[in-house]
Amino acid sequence: MVLSTARLMVREMSPSDLMPLAAMLQDDGVMYAYGGAFCAAETEAWLDKQLRRYAELGFGLWAVCLNDTGEMIGQCGITMQEYNDLTVPEIGYLFARGHWHNGYAAEAAMACRCYGMANLHFNRLYSIIRVTNVASQKVAFRIGMRPEGTIVRHYRGQYMRHIVFSADID
C-alpha cells in the first residue's frame, strides 16, 4: 500500500489489475478526454507503463481501491509530464463511471498531493486537464490547485487544448 484515506487504499497496480483497468480504459465515457476508449493493446501498454514508472521512479498512477471491499475503482497518482520545456510532476486521476460523484477523485488526489510534497519532496505539483473535462477541473480546484496557463497537446491523432493547474507546497 502506498497510502490510504478514510475510504480508500492506494497501491501499486499489478498485472492482476488488468481486468478492472480495462473496464475503465475501454469505456468511451470514462475516456472521452483521451479521445475515446482504448483497445486491449493500448490498455496493456498503459499498465506496463505504470509498472515501469514504479521501477524507475518509485511512483506513477496507482490503483485506487475501496477500503471496505478492496475493489479497484480508479487510478490516481503522480507522473512526470512535459510542460513548457520542463518535466513536471502531475497528479492524474481516472475513475470507473459507476464511482463518479462520490468524492473519490478529490479524496485520492488530495492524498497524492500531500504524498508528493511530503514524501517525494516536490515543491509544486500540476494537473494538466483537457478544457472539455470540467469534472476533472473541479477536482483540481477542490484540492487547492489554480489555473496557470494553457497548452495544446497532440494525442491519438488530435490536437487537444488543456488547462494547466498547479499548487505549491503549503
C-alpha atoms as a PDB file:
ATOM      1  CA  MET A   1       0.000   0.000   0.000  1.00  0.00           C
ATOM      2  CA  VAL A   2       1.283   3.468  -0.912  1.00  0.00           C
ATOM      3  CA  LEU A   3      -1.230   5.496   1.081  1.00  0.00           C
ATOM      4  CA  SER A   4      -4.734   5.396   2.486  1.00  0.00           C
ATOM      5  CA  THR A   5      -7.601   7.722   3.291  1.00  0.00           C
ATOM      6  CA  ALA A   6     -10.788   7.289   5.287  1.00  0.00           C
ATOM      7  CA  ARG A   7     -12.456   5.400   2.422  1.00  0.00           C
ATOM      8  CA  LEU A   8      -9.673   4.465   0.036  1.00  0.00           C
ATOM      9  CA  MET A   9      -6.498   2.422  -0.228  1.00  0.00           C
ATOM     10  CA  VAL A  10      -3.981   3.466  -2.886  1.00  0.00           C
ATOM     11  CA  ARG A  11      -1.481   0.840  -4.020  1.00  0.00           C
ATOM     12  CA  GLU A  12       0.727  -0.055  -6.942  1.00  0.00           C
ATOM     13  CA  MET A  13      -1.071  -1.792  -9.776  1.00  0.00           C
ATOM     14  CA  SER A  14      -0.064  -5.303 -10.744  1.00  0.00           C
ATOM     15  CA  PRO A  15      -0.768  -7.487 -13.787  1.00  0.00           C
ATOM     16  CA  SER A  16      -3.787  -8.899 -11.925  1.00  0.00           C
ATOM     17  CA  ASP A  17      -5.407  -5.437 -12.180  1.00  0.00           C
ATOM     18  CA  LEU A  18      -5.722  -5.660 -15.968  1.00  0.00           C
ATOM     19  CA  MET A  19      -9.461  -6.531 -15.898  1.00  0.00           C
ATOM     20  CA  PRO A  20     -10.653  -3.613 -13.716  1.00  0.00           C
ATOM     21  CA  LEU A  21      -8.244  -1.297 -15.517  1.00  0.00           C
ATOM     22  CA  ALA A  22      -9.630  -2.424 -18.879  1.00  0.00           C
ATOM     23  CA  ALA A  23     -13.168  -1.758 -17.651  1.00  0.00           C
ATOM     24  CA  MET A  24     -12.156   1.896 -17.186  1.00  0.00           C
ATOM     25  CA  LEU A  25      -9.824   2.441 -20.135  1.00  0.00           C
ATOM     26  CA  GLN A  26     -12.121   0.692 -22.608  1.00  0.00           C
ATOM     27  CA  ASP A  27     -15.166   2.802 -21.634  1.00  0.00           C
ATOM     28  CA  ASP A  28     -15.802   5.681 -24.068  1.00  0.00           C
ATOM     29  CA  GLY A  29     -17.494   7.725 -21.343  1.00  0.00           C
ATOM     30  CA  VAL A  30     -14.543   7.431 -18.982  1.00  0.00           C
ATOM     31  CA  MET A  31     -12.002   8.056 -21.735  1.00  0.00           C
ATOM     32  CA  TYR A  32     -13.638  10.984 -23.546  1.00  0.00           C
ATOM     33  CA  ALA A  33     -10.819  13.331 -22.503  1.00  0.00           C
ATOM     34  CA  TYR A  34      -8.358  10.952 -24.193  1.00  0.00           C
ATOM     35  CA  GLY A  35     -10.261  10.926 -27.468  1.00  0.00           C
ATOM     36  CA  GLY A  36     -12.139   7.693 -26.780  1.00  0.00           C
ATOM     37  CA  ALA A  37     -11.760   4.232 -25.355  1.00  0.00           C
ATOM     38  CA  PHE A  38      -8.519   2.287 -25.542  1.00  0.00           C
ATOM     39  CA  CYS A  39      -8.220  -1.036 -27.310  1.00  0.00           C
ATOM     40  CA  ALA A  40      -6.840  -4.092 -25.488  1.00  0.00           C
ATOM     41  CA  ALA A  41      -3.264  -3.443 -26.668  1.00  0.00           C
ATOM     42  CA  GLU A  42      -3.374   0.205 -25.503  1.00  0.00           C
ATOM     43  CA  THR A  43      -4.719  -0.916 -22.126  1.00  0.00           C
ATOM     44  CA  GLU A  44      -1.905  -3.440 -21.676  1.00  0.00           C
ATOM     45  CA  ALA A  45       0.641  -0.797 -22.715  1.00  0.00           C
ATOM     46  CA  TRP A  46      -0.853   1.629 -20.155  1.00  0.00           C
ATOM     47  CA  LEU A  47      -0.462  -0.925 -17.355  1.00  0.00           C
ATOM     48  CA  ASP A  48       3.082  -1.793 -18.482  1.00  0.00           C
ATOM     49  CA  LYS A  49       3.968   1.915 -18.443  1.00  0.00           C
ATOM     50  CA  GLN A  50       2.817   2.230 -14.820  1.00  0.00           C
ATOM     51  CA  LEU A  51       4.849  -0.827 -13.799  1.00  0.00           C
ATOM     52  CA  ARG A  52       7.934   0.717 -15.471  1.00  0.00           C
ATOM     53  CA  ARG A  53       7.305   4.012 -13.693  1.00  0.00           C
ATOM     54  CA  TYR A  54       7.211   2.255 -10.299  1.00  0.00           C
ATOM     55  CA  ALA A  55      10.509   0.517 -11.072  1.00  0.00           C
ATOM     56  CA  GLU A  56      12.261   3.602 -12.480  1.00  0.00           C
ATOM     57  CA  LEU A  57      10.819   6.449 -10.389  1.00  0.00           C
ATOM     58  CA  GLY A  58       9.143   4.809  -7.401  1.00  0.00           C
ATOM     59  CA  PHE A  59       5.769   6.336  -8.319  1.00  0.00           C
ATOM     60  CA  GLY A  60       3.202   6.528 -11.109  1.00  0.00           C
ATOM     61  CA  LEU A  61      -0.545   6.089 -11.408  1.00  0.00           C
ATOM     62  CA  TRP A  62      -1.664   3.785  -8.615  1.00  0.00           C
ATOM     63  CA  ALA A  63      -4.753   1.621  -8.160  1.00  0.00           C
ATOM     64  CA  VAL A  64      -7.427   3.242  -6.006  1.00  0.00           C
ATOM     65  CA  CYS A  65      -9.439   0.652  -4.078  1.00  0.00           C
ATOM     66  CA  LEU A  66     -12.337   0.851  -1.643  1.00  0.00           C
ATOM     67  CA  ASN A  67     -11.221   0.101   1.907  1.00  0.00           C
ATOM     68  CA  ASP A  68     -14.348  -1.978   2.650  1.00  0.00           C
ATOM     69  CA  THR A  69     -14.206  -4.330  -0.335  1.00  0.00           C
ATOM     70  CA  GLY A  70     -10.770  -3.953  -1.939  1.00  0.00           C
ATOM     71  CA  GLU A  71     -12.478  -3.266  -5.278  1.00  0.00           C
ATOM     72  CA  MET A  72     -10.333  -1.230  -7.678  1.00  0.00           C
ATOM     73  CA  ILE A  73     -12.479   1.768  -8.639  1.00  0.00           C
ATOM     74  CA  GLY A  74      -9.924   4.014 -10.287  1.00  0.00           C
ATOM     75  CA  GLN A  75      -6.369   5.155 -10.565  1.00  0.00           C
ATOM     76  CA  CYS A  76      -4.644   8.207  -9.181  1.00  0.00           C
ATOM     77  CA  GLY A  77      -1.045   9.176  -8.704  1.00  0.00           C
ATOM     78  CA  ILE A  78       1.864  11.252  -9.874  1.00  0.00           C
ATOM     79  CA  THR A  79       3.567  11.052 -13.250  1.00  0.00           C
ATOM     80  CA  MET A  80       6.187  13.212 -14.897  1.00  0.00           C
ATOM     81  CA  GLN A  81       4.806  15.245 -17.815  1.00  0.00           C
ATOM     82  CA  GLU A  82       6.159  17.776 -20.312  1.00  0.00           C
ATOM     83  CA  TYR A  83       5.085  21.392 -19.806  1.00  0.00           C
ATOM     84  CA  ASN A  84       6.789  24.471 -21.289  1.00  0.00           C
ATOM     85  CA  ASP A  85      10.090  22.697 -21.960  1.00  0.00           C
ATOM     86  CA  LEU A  86      10.147  21.301 -18.414  1.00  0.00           C
ATOM     87  CA  THR A  87       9.319  17.908 -16.977  1.00  0.00           C
ATOM     88  CA  VAL A  88       6.905  18.452 -14.093  1.00  0.00           C
ATOM     89  CA  PRO A  89       5.143  16.185 -11.567  1.00  0.00           C
ATOM     90  CA  GLU A  90       1.469  15.837 -12.429  1.00  0.00           C
ATOM     91  CA  ILE A  91      -1.359  14.495 -10.304  1.00  0.00           C
ATOM     92  CA  GLY A  92      -3.619  12.439 -12.536  1.00  0.00           C
ATOM     93  CA  TYR A  93      -6.863  10.628 -11.759  1.00  0.00           C
ATOM     94  CA  LEU A  94      -9.335   8.470 -13.613  1.00  0.00           C
ATOM     95  CA  PHE A  95     -12.260   6.571 -12.102  1.00  0.00           C
ATOM     96  CA  ALA A  96     -14.755   3.963 -13.240  1.00  0.00           C
ATOM     97  CA  ARG A  97     -18.024   5.595 -14.250  1.00  0.00           C
ATOM     98  CA  GLY A  98     -20.001   3.730 -11.571  1.00  0.00           C
ATOM     99  CA  HIS A  99     -17.957   5.521  -8.913  1.00  0.00           C
ATOM    100  CA  TRP A 100     -18.243   9.104 -10.166  1.00  0.00           C
ATOM    101  CA  HIS A 101     -19.816  11.830  -7.992  1.00  0.00           C
ATOM    102  CA  ASN A 102     -18.820  10.283  -4.666  1.00  0.00           C
ATOM    103  CA  GLY A 103     -15.815  12.498  -3.959  1.00  0.00           C
ATOM    104  CA  TYR A 104     -13.340   9.648  -4.517  1.00  0.00           C
ATOM    105  CA  ALA A 105     -11.274  11.539  -7.105  1.00  0.00           C
ATOM    106  CA  ALA A 106     -10.799  14.564  -4.837  1.00  0.00           C
ATOM    107  CA  GLU A 107     -10.053  12.340  -1.836  1.00  0.00           C
ATOM    108  CA  ALA A 108      -7.413  10.336  -3.697  1.00  0.00           C
ATOM    109  CA  ALA A 109      -5.956  13.391  -5.472  1.00  0.00           C
ATOM    110  CA  MET A 110      -5.598  15.307  -2.185  1.00  0.00           C
ATOM    111  CA  ALA A 111      -3.833  12.328  -0.627  1.00  0.00           C
ATOM    112  CA  CYS A 112      -1.498  12.195  -3.654  1.00  0.00           C
ATOM    113  CA  ARG A 113      -0.864  15.925  -3.375  1.00  0.00           C
ATOM    114  CA  CYS A 114       0.164  15.517   0.277  1.00  0.00           C
ATOM    115  CA  TYR A 115       2.254  12.432  -0.560  1.00  0.00           C
ATOM    116  CA  GLY A 116       4.010  14.190  -3.450  1.00  0.00           C
ATOM    117  CA  MET A 117       5.015  17.106  -1.300  1.00  0.00           C
ATOM    118  CA  ALA A 118       5.817  15.259   1.942  1.00  0.00           C
ATOM    119  CA  ASN A 119       7.338  12.026   0.603  1.00  0.00           C
ATOM    120  CA  LEU A 120       8.609  12.898  -2.867  1.00  0.00           C
ATOM    121  CA  HIS A 121       9.636  16.440  -1.870  1.00  0.00           C
ATOM    122  CA  PHE A 122       8.042  18.246  -4.804  1.00  0.00           C
ATOM    123  CA  ASN A 123       7.566  21.981  -4.152  1.00  0.00           C
ATOM    124  CA  ARG A 124       4.919  22.293  -6.852  1.00  0.00           C
ATOM    125  CA  LEU A 125       2.503  19.812  -8.376  1.00  0.00           C
ATOM    126  CA  TYR A 126       0.483  20.164 -11.555  1.00  0.00           C
ATOM    127  CA  SER A 127      -2.626  18.764 -13.187  1.00  0.00           C
ATOM    128  CA  ILE A 128      -2.915  19.145 -16.948  1.00  0.00           C
ATOM    129  CA  ILE A 129      -6.585  18.813 -17.836  1.00  0.00           C
ATOM    130  CA  ARG A 130      -8.363  18.947 -21.177  1.00  0.00           C
ATOM    131  CA  VAL A 131     -10.550  22.058 -21.462  1.00  0.00           C
ATOM    132  CA  THR A 132     -13.649  19.918 -22.038  1.00  0.00           C
ATOM    133  CA  ASN A 133     -13.073  17.888 -18.865  1.00  0.00           C
ATOM    134  CA  VAL A 134     -14.977  20.091 -16.423  1.00  0.00           C
ATOM    135  CA  ALA A 135     -15.340  17.350 -13.789  1.00  0.00           C
ATOM    136  CA  SER A 136     -11.559  16.933 -13.514  1.00  0.00           C
ATOM    137  CA  GLN A 137     -11.126  20.697 -13.379  1.00  0.00           C
ATOM    138  CA  LYS A 138     -13.497  20.797 -10.389  1.00  0.00           C
ATOM    139  CA  VAL A 139     -11.357  18.164  -8.653  1.00  0.00           C
ATOM    140  CA  ALA A 140      -8.239  20.272  -9.240  1.00  0.00           C
ATOM    141  CA  PHE A 141      -9.962  23.285  -7.661  1.00  0.00           C
ATOM    142  CA  ARG A 142     -11.170  21.156  -4.711  1.00  0.00           C
ATOM    143  CA  ILE A 143      -7.606  20.105  -3.877  1.00  0.00           C
ATOM    144  CA  GLY A 144      -6.365  23.688  -3.926  1.00  0.00           C
ATOM    145  CA  MET A 145      -4.959  23.935  -7.440  1.00  0.00           C
ATOM    146  CA  ARG A 146      -5.355  27.025  -9.572  1.00  0.00           C
ATOM    147  CA  PRO A 147      -5.053  27.530 -13.352  1.00  0.00           C
ATOM    148  CA  GLU A 148      -1.749  28.963 -14.511  1.00  0.00           C
ATOM    149  CA  GLY A 149      -1.913  28.581 -18.275  1.00  0.00           C
ATOM    150  CA  THR A 150      -2.982  26.534 -21.259  1.00  0.00           C
ATOM    151  CA  ILE A 151      -1.196  24.226 -23.652  1.00  0.00           C
ATOM    152  CA  VAL A 152      -2.109  22.210 -26.723  1.00  0.00           C
ATOM    153  CA  ARG A 153      -1.163  18.560 -26.884  1.00  0.00           C
ATOM    154  CA  HIS A 154      -1.280  16.224 -29.845  1.00  0.00           C
ATOM    155  CA  TYR A 155      -2.602  12.870 -28.695  1.00  0.00           C
ATOM    156  CA  ARG A 156      -4.076   9.946 -30.626  1.00  0.00           C
ATOM    157  CA  GLY A 157      -4.267  11.987 -33.823  1.00  0.00           C
ATOM    158  CA  GLN A 158      -5.996  15.010 -32.264  1.00  0.00           C
ATOM    159  CA  TYR A 159      -4.913  18.443 -31.083  1.00  0.00           C
ATOM    160  CA  MET A 160      -6.355  18.990 -27.617  1.00  0.00           C
ATOM    161  CA  ARG A 161      -6.271  22.187 -25.579  1.00  0.00           C
ATOM    162  CA  HIS A 162      -5.522  21.718 -21.871  1.00  0.00           C
ATOM    163  CA  ILE A 163      -5.604  23.935 -18.804  1.00  0.00           C
ATOM    164  CA  VAL A 164      -2.533  23.643 -16.596  1.00  0.00           C
ATOM    165  CA  PHE A 165      -3.366  23.755 -12.874  1.00  0.00           C
ATOM    166  CA  SER A 166      -0.748  23.949 -10.136  1.00  0.00           C
ATOM    167  CA  ALA A 167      -0.346  24.063  -6.378  1.00  0.00           C
ATOM    168  CA  ASP A 168       2.695  24.968  -4.331  1.00  0.00           C
ATOM    169  CA  ILE A 169       3.782  23.356  -1.091  1.00  0.00           C
ATOM    170  CA  ASP A 170       1.580  24.527   1.803  1.00  0.00           C
END
